[in-house]
Amino acid sequence: MDFDKVINTRVSTRKYIDKKIEKNNLEKIVEAGVKAPVGNSLYENMAITVISNKDLIQEILEEAREIVNDPKANPIYSAPYLIIISAKEGHITRLEDTACIIENMALKATDLEIGSCYIRGMFERFDKDARFIKKLNLEENFYPVHGLILGYPEEKLQGKNHKIKTNYIDWFIWQIYKKIYSKWKSNRD
């Protein structure tokens, strides 16, 4: 898919069909995450865990439901795949690095017409003693930061018309502004 089309098509998917993602496509998605920028190139401080085991995904979901005291909560939207990004304890840029890794994977998933959704809140509620962490086979002192759910979407991926207020500051105008401000400030002093 053309890059602009990927950007315009990517959307958070919350309804999935029960269809297996081919192993080579999962590997492409993970590889896109591995290519993301990581602060100070400390890639050894990050870990990616791909979970397709429905029982383990259900265990994680049940633990999340316990934490929020809501037996009907479904923060992973019944997705058939869950990718967890973990970081070494003390890794200062873990949030930023995780976001970059997840965004790269979400874009690659979109390229492959696979739905995805960034899962943040659920993981922020878990502490370092969450029961499921032992089952992730992480190195010592690594803990989940955020996740990405994946699956084939119920409906064709269609991006949304997002709006973010944007200001453009022209360099030339900025130089004029600085001169005017300097004069004003020196006259004021």
C-alpha atoms as a PDB file:
ATOM      1  CA  MET A   1       0.000   0.000   0.000  1.00  0.00           C
ATOM      2  CA  ASP A   2       1.206   3.529  -0.731  1.00  0.00           C
ATOM      3  CA  PHE A   3       2.516   5.286   2.409  1.00  0.00           C
ATOM      4  CA  ASP A   4       0.003   8.152   2.198  1.00  0.00           C
ATOM      5  CA  LYS A   5      -2.794   5.613   1.828  1.00  0.00           C
ATOM      6  CA  VAL A   6      -1.538   3.753   4.923  1.00  0.00           C
ATOM      7  CA  ILE A   7      -1.493   7.000   6.927  1.00  0.00           C
ATOM      8  CA  ASN A   8      -4.980   7.932   5.729  1.00  0.00           C
ATOM      9  CA  THR A   9      -6.406   4.432   6.324  1.00  0.00           C
ATOM     10  CA  ARG A  10      -4.965   3.679   9.787  1.00  0.00           C
ATOM     11  CA  VAL A  11      -7.654   3.692  12.419  1.00  0.00           C
ATOM     12  CA  SER A  12      -8.165   2.141  15.858  1.00  0.00           C
ATOM     13  CA  THR A  13     -10.012  -1.122  15.249  1.00  0.00           C
ATOM     14  CA  ARG A  14     -12.242  -2.498  17.976  1.00  0.00           C
ATOM     15  CA  LYS A  15     -14.198  -5.235  16.157  1.00  0.00           C
ATOM     16  CA  TYR A  16     -12.442  -8.293  14.794  1.00  0.00           C
ATOM     17  CA  ILE A  17     -13.238 -11.531  13.032  1.00  0.00           C
ATOM     18  CA  ASP A  18     -11.734 -14.794  14.246  1.00  0.00           C
ATOM     19  CA  LYS A  19      -9.187 -15.326  11.477  1.00  0.00           C
ATOM     20  CA  LYS A  20      -5.572 -16.298  11.908  1.00  0.00           C
ATOM     21  CA  ILE A  21      -2.907 -13.781  10.875  1.00  0.00           C
ATOM     22  CA  GLU A  22      -0.311 -15.495   8.720  1.00  0.00           C
ATOM     23  CA  LYS A  23       3.049 -15.944  10.488  1.00  0.00           C
ATOM     24  CA  ASN A  24       4.961 -13.990   7.829  1.00  0.00           C
ATOM     25  CA  ASN A  25       2.585 -11.035   8.291  1.00  0.00           C
ATOM     26  CA  LEU A  26       3.032 -11.134  12.079  1.00  0.00           C
ATOM     27  CA  GLU A  27       6.790 -11.151  11.531  1.00  0.00           C
ATOM     28  CA  LYS A  28       6.524  -8.120   9.209  1.00  0.00           C
ATOM     29  CA  ILE A  29       4.521  -6.242  11.834  1.00  0.00           C
ATOM     30  CA  VAL A  30       7.041  -7.051  14.570  1.00  0.00           C
ATOM     31  CA  GLU A  31       9.953  -6.118  12.280  1.00  0.00           C
ATOM     32  CA  ALA A  32       8.344  -2.709  11.711  1.00  0.00           C
ATOM     33  CA  GLY A  33       8.301  -2.261  15.497  1.00  0.00           C
ATOM     34  CA  VAL A  34      11.938  -3.281  15.797  1.00  0.00           C
ATOM     35  CA  LYS A  35      12.854  -0.547  13.289  1.00  0.00           C
ATOM     36  CA  ALA A  36      11.270   2.195  15.403  1.00  0.00           C
ATOM     37  CA  PRO A  37      13.486   4.792  17.057  1.00  0.00           C
ATOM     38  CA  VAL A  38      14.439   4.088  20.680  1.00  0.00           C
ATOM     39  CA  GLY A  39      15.992   6.712  22.965  1.00  0.00           C
ATOM     40  CA  ASN A  40      19.792   6.594  23.034  1.00  0.00           C
ATOM     41  CA  SER A  41      19.584   3.475  20.832  1.00  0.00           C
ATOM     42  CA  LEU A  42      18.980   1.379  23.949  1.00  0.00           C
ATOM     43  CA  TYR A  43      17.138  -1.338  22.023  1.00  0.00           C
ATOM     44  CA  GLU A  44      18.328  -3.883  24.579  1.00  0.00           C
ATOM     45  CA  ASN A  45      16.031  -2.141  27.095  1.00  0.00           C
ATOM     46  CA  MET A  46      12.907  -2.977  25.095  1.00  0.00           C
ATOM     47  CA  ALA A  47      11.068  -6.257  24.502  1.00  0.00           C
ATOM     48  CA  ILE A  48       8.188  -7.294  22.236  1.00  0.00           C
ATOM     49  CA  THR A  49       5.940 -10.214  23.183  1.00  0.00           C
ATOM     50  CA  VAL A  50       3.447 -11.529  20.610  1.00  0.00           C
ATOM     51  CA  ILE A  51       0.537 -13.465  22.121  1.00  0.00           C
ATOM     52  CA  SER A  52      -1.824 -15.525  20.001  1.00  0.00           C
ATOM     53  CA  ASN A  53      -2.727 -17.938  22.807  1.00  0.00           C
ATOM     54  CA  LYS A  54      -6.387 -17.167  23.530  1.00  0.00           C
ATOM     55  CA  ASP A  55      -6.174 -18.613  27.055  1.00  0.00           C
ATOM     56  CA  LEU A  56      -3.330 -16.283  28.026  1.00  0.00           C
ATOM     57  CA  ILE A  57      -5.085 -13.297  26.450  1.00  0.00           C
ATOM     58  CA  GLN A  58      -8.178 -14.232  28.471  1.00  0.00           C
ATOM     59  CA  GLU A  59      -6.091 -14.482  31.686  1.00  0.00           C
ATOM     60  CA  ILE A  60      -4.692 -11.000  31.097  1.00  0.00           C
ATOM     61  CA  LEU A  61      -8.204  -9.711  30.430  1.00  0.00           C
ATOM     62  CA  GLU A  62      -9.548 -11.330  33.623  1.00  0.00           C
ATOM     63  CA  GLU A  63      -6.756  -9.753  35.668  1.00  0.00           C
ATOM     64  CA  ALA A  64      -7.565  -6.363  34.133  1.00  0.00           C
ATOM     65  CA  ARG A  65     -11.239  -6.842  35.015  1.00  0.00           C
ATOM     66  CA  GLU A  66     -10.294  -7.592  38.627  1.00  0.00           C
ATOM     67  CA  ILE A  67      -8.263  -4.395  38.863  1.00  0.00           C
ATOM     68  CA  VAL A  68     -11.114  -2.183  37.628  1.00  0.00           C
ATOM     69  CA  ASN A  69     -13.724  -4.269  39.481  1.00  0.00           C
ATOM     70  CA  ASP A  70     -15.802  -4.693  36.320  1.00  0.00           C
ATOM     71  CA  PRO A  71     -16.430  -8.272  35.160  1.00  0.00           C
ATOM     72  CA  LYS A  72     -17.727  -7.024  31.803  1.00  0.00           C
ATOM     73  CA  ALA A  73     -14.821  -4.711  30.933  1.00  0.00           C
ATOM     74  CA  ASN A  74     -13.247  -5.589  27.600  1.00  0.00           C
ATOM     75  CA  PRO A  75     -10.237  -3.315  27.087  1.00  0.00           C
ATOM     76  CA  ILE A  76      -8.802  -5.622  24.428  1.00  0.00           C
ATOM     77  CA  TYR A  77     -12.035  -5.775  22.407  1.00  0.00           C
ATOM     78  CA  SER A  78     -11.900  -9.564  21.934  1.00  0.00           C
ATOM     79  CA  ALA A  79      -8.921  -9.196  19.598  1.00  0.00           C
ATOM     80  CA  PRO A  80      -7.300 -12.485  18.634  1.00  0.00           C
ATOM     81  CA  TYR A  81      -3.729 -11.145  19.010  1.00  0.00           C
ATOM     82  CA  LEU A  82      -2.074  -9.061  21.703  1.00  0.00           C
ATOM     83  CA  ILE A  83       1.412  -7.605  21.396  1.00  0.00           C
ATOM     84  CA  ILE A  84       2.918  -6.322  24.628  1.00  0.00           C
ATOM     85  CA  ILE A  85       5.817  -3.866  24.620  1.00  0.00           C
ATOM     86  CA  SER A  86       7.916  -4.113  27.758  1.00  0.00           C
ATOM     87  CA  ALA A  87      10.859  -2.067  28.990  1.00  0.00           C
ATOM     88  CA  LYS A  88      13.650  -2.571  31.442  1.00  0.00           C
ATOM     89  CA  GLU A  89      12.959  -0.989  34.802  1.00  0.00           C
ATOM     90  CA  GLY A  90      14.390   2.542  34.902  1.00  0.00           C
ATOM     91  CA  HIS A  91      14.420   2.998  31.115  1.00  0.00           C
ATOM     92  CA  ILE A  92      13.704   6.730  31.034  1.00  0.00           C
ATOM     93  CA  THR A  93      12.173   6.942  27.550  1.00  0.00           C
ATOM     94  CA  ARG A  94      10.020   3.806  27.852  1.00  0.00           C
ATOM     95  CA  LEU A  95       6.749   5.616  27.121  1.00  0.00           C
ATOM     96  CA  GLU A  96       8.066   7.438  24.068  1.00  0.00           C
ATOM     97  CA  ASP A  97       9.874   4.353  22.767  1.00  0.00           C
ATOM     98  CA  THR A  98       6.812   2.171  23.263  1.00  0.00           C
ATOM     99  CA  ALA A  99       4.660   4.682  21.378  1.00  0.00           C
ATOM    100  CA  CYS A 100       7.100   4.712  18.444  1.00  0.00           C
ATOM    101  CA  ILE A 101       7.268   0.907  18.346  1.00  0.00           C
ATOM    102  CA  ILE A 102       3.490   0.568  18.485  1.00  0.00           C
ATOM    103  CA  GLU A 103       2.904   3.228  15.830  1.00  0.00           C
ATOM    104  CA  ASN A 104       5.302   1.509  13.427  1.00  0.00           C
ATOM    105  CA  MET A 105       3.543  -1.811  14.008  1.00  0.00           C
ATOM    106  CA  ALA A 106       0.082  -0.251  13.618  1.00  0.00           C
ATOM    107  CA  LEU A 107       1.122   1.310  10.309  1.00  0.00           C
ATOM    108  CA  LYS A 108       2.515  -1.985   9.028  1.00  0.00           C
ATOM    109  CA  ALA A 109      -0.642  -3.790  10.132  1.00  0.00           C
ATOM    110  CA  THR A 110      -2.694  -1.241   8.194  1.00  0.00           C
ATOM    111  CA  ASP A 111      -0.465  -1.805   5.173  1.00  0.00           C
ATOM    112  CA  LEU A 112      -1.373  -5.513   5.412  1.00  0.00           C
ATOM    113  CA  GLU A 113      -5.088  -4.664   5.897  1.00  0.00           C
ATOM    114  CA  ILE A 114      -4.960  -5.920   9.478  1.00  0.00           C
ATOM    115  CA  GLY A 115      -6.736  -3.905  12.170  1.00  0.00           C
ATOM    116  CA  SER A 116      -4.986  -2.667  15.302  1.00  0.00           C
ATOM    117  CA  CYS A 117      -5.591  -0.585  18.402  1.00  0.00           C
ATOM    118  CA  TYR A 118      -3.117   0.917  20.882  1.00  0.00           C
ATOM    119  CA  ILE A 119      -3.901  -0.343  24.389  1.00  0.00           C
ATOM    120  CA  ARG A 120      -2.550   1.980  27.055  1.00  0.00           C
ATOM    121  CA  GLY A 121      -4.898   2.341  30.013  1.00  0.00           C
ATOM    122  CA  MET A 122      -5.172  -1.354  30.833  1.00  0.00           C
ATOM    123  CA  PHE A 123      -1.411  -1.746  31.097  1.00  0.00           C
ATOM    124  CA  GLU A 124      -0.979   1.391  33.180  1.00  0.00           C
ATOM    125  CA  ARG A 125      -3.238  -0.136  35.844  1.00  0.00           C
ATOM    126  CA  PHE A 126      -1.081  -3.250  36.268  1.00  0.00           C
ATOM    127  CA  ASP A 127       1.754  -3.136  38.753  1.00  0.00           C
ATOM    128  CA  LYS A 128       5.023  -5.058  38.663  1.00  0.00           C
ATOM    129  CA  ASP A 129       3.413  -7.971  40.509  1.00  0.00           C
ATOM    130  CA  ALA A 130       0.689  -8.644  37.938  1.00  0.00           C
ATOM    131  CA  ARG A 131       0.234 -12.417  37.736  1.00  0.00           C
ATOM    132  CA  PHE A 132       0.476 -12.655  33.945  1.00  0.00           C
ATOM    133  CA  ILE A 133       3.934 -11.053  33.752  1.00  0.00           C
ATOM    134  CA  LYS A 134       5.664 -14.306  34.723  1.00  0.00           C
ATOM    135  CA  LYS A 135       4.069 -15.994  31.710  1.00  0.00           C
ATOM    136  CA  LEU A 136       5.616 -13.490  29.265  1.00  0.00           C
ATOM    137  CA  ASN A 137       9.098 -15.010  29.647  1.00  0.00           C
ATOM    138  CA  LEU A 138      10.643 -11.564  30.044  1.00  0.00           C
ATOM    139  CA  GLU A 139      14.164 -10.988  31.235  1.00  0.00           C
ATOM    140  CA  GLU A 140      14.545  -9.949  34.852  1.00  0.00           C
ATOM    141  CA  ASN A 141      13.521  -6.339  35.592  1.00  0.00           C
ATOM    142  CA  PHE A 142      11.437  -5.996  32.397  1.00  0.00           C
ATOM    143  CA  TYR A 143       7.800  -4.930  32.770  1.00  0.00           C
ATOM    144  CA  PRO A 144       4.909  -4.321  30.339  1.00  0.00           C
ATOM    145  CA  VAL A 145       4.403  -0.714  29.286  1.00  0.00           C
ATOM    146  CA  HIS A 146       1.606  -0.744  26.688  1.00  0.00           C
ATOM    147  CA  GLY A 147       0.096  -3.066  24.113  1.00  0.00           C
ATOM    148  CA  LEU A 148      -1.249  -3.354  20.598  1.00  0.00           C
ATOM    149  CA  ILE A 149      -4.163  -5.573  19.692  1.00  0.00           C
ATOM    150  CA  LEU A 150      -4.355  -7.033  16.202  1.00  0.00           C
ATOM    151  CA  GLY A 151      -6.783  -8.918  14.028  1.00  0.00           C
ATOM    152  CA  TYR A 152      -8.649  -8.829  10.776  1.00  0.00           C
ATOM    153  CA  PRO A 153     -11.340  -6.159  11.092  1.00  0.00           C
ATOM    154  CA  GLU A 154     -15.076  -6.827  10.843  1.00  0.00           C
ATOM    155  CA  GLU A 155     -15.305  -3.927   8.421  1.00  0.00           C
ATOM    156  CA  LYS A 156     -12.832  -2.606   5.879  1.00  0.00           C
ATOM    157  CA  LEU A 157     -10.304  -0.201   7.395  1.00  0.00           C
ATOM    158  CA  GLN A 158     -11.309   3.396   6.719  1.00  0.00           C
ATOM    159  CA  GLY A 159      -9.436   6.257   8.272  1.00  0.00           C
ATOM    160  CA  LYS A 160     -11.066   9.185   9.976  1.00  0.00           C
ATOM    161  CA  ASN A 161     -10.737  12.854   9.210  1.00  0.00           C
ATOM    162  CA  HIS A 162      -8.705  13.779  12.304  1.00  0.00           C
ATOM    163  CA  LYS A 163      -8.123  17.425  13.164  1.00  0.00           C
ATOM    164  CA  ILE A 164      -5.330  18.825  15.308  1.00  0.00           C
ATOM    165  CA  LYS A 165      -4.829  22.569  15.647  1.00  0.00           C
ATOM    166  CA  THR A 166      -1.628  23.382  13.796  1.00  0.00           C
ATOM    167  CA  ASN A 167       0.405  26.594  13.724  1.00  0.00           C
ATOM    168  CA  TYR A 168       3.013  27.298  11.080  1.00  0.00           C
ATOM    169  CA  ILE A 169       5.644  29.849  11.998  1.00  0.00           C
ATOM    170  CA  ASP A 170       7.608  31.207   9.092  1.00  0.00           C
ATOM    171  CA  TRP A 171      11.335  31.730   9.779  1.00  0.00           C
ATOM    172  CA  PHE A 172      11.341  35.206   8.180  1.00  0.00           C
ATOM    173  CA  ILE A 173       8.328  36.363  10.202  1.00  0.00           C
ATOM    174  CA  TRP A 174       9.962  34.913  13.331  1.00  0.00           C
ATOM    175  CA  GLN A 175      13.112  37.013  12.745  1.00  0.00           C
ATOM    176  CA  ILE A 176      11.021  40.171  12.357  1.00  0.00           C
ATOM    177  CA  TYR A 177       9.110  39.315  15.518  1.00  0.00           C
ATOM    178  CA  LYS A 178      12.369  38.855  17.463  1.00  0.00           C
ATOM    179  CA  LYS A 179      13.651  42.273  16.299  1.00  0.00           C
ATOM    180  CA  ILE A 180      10.405  44.016  17.210  1.00  0.00           C
ATOM    181  CA  TYR A 181      10.321  42.265  20.587  1.00  0.00           C
ATOM    182  CA  SER A 182      13.959  43.182  21.309  1.00  0.00           C
ATOM    183  CA  LYS A 183      13.283  46.854  20.509  1.00  0.00           C
ATOM    184  CA  TRP A 184      10.153  46.857  22.604  1.00  0.00           C
ATOM    185  CA  LYS A 185      11.949  45.207  25.522  1.00  0.00           C
ATOM    186  CA  SER A 186      14.940  47.595  25.369  1.00  0.00           C
ATOM    187  CA  ASN A 187      12.579  50.614  25.268  1.00  0.00           C
ATOM    188  CA  ARG A 188      10.696  49.234  28.223  1.00  0.00           C
ATOM    189  CA  ASP A 189      13.842  48.765  30.333  1.00  0.00           C
END
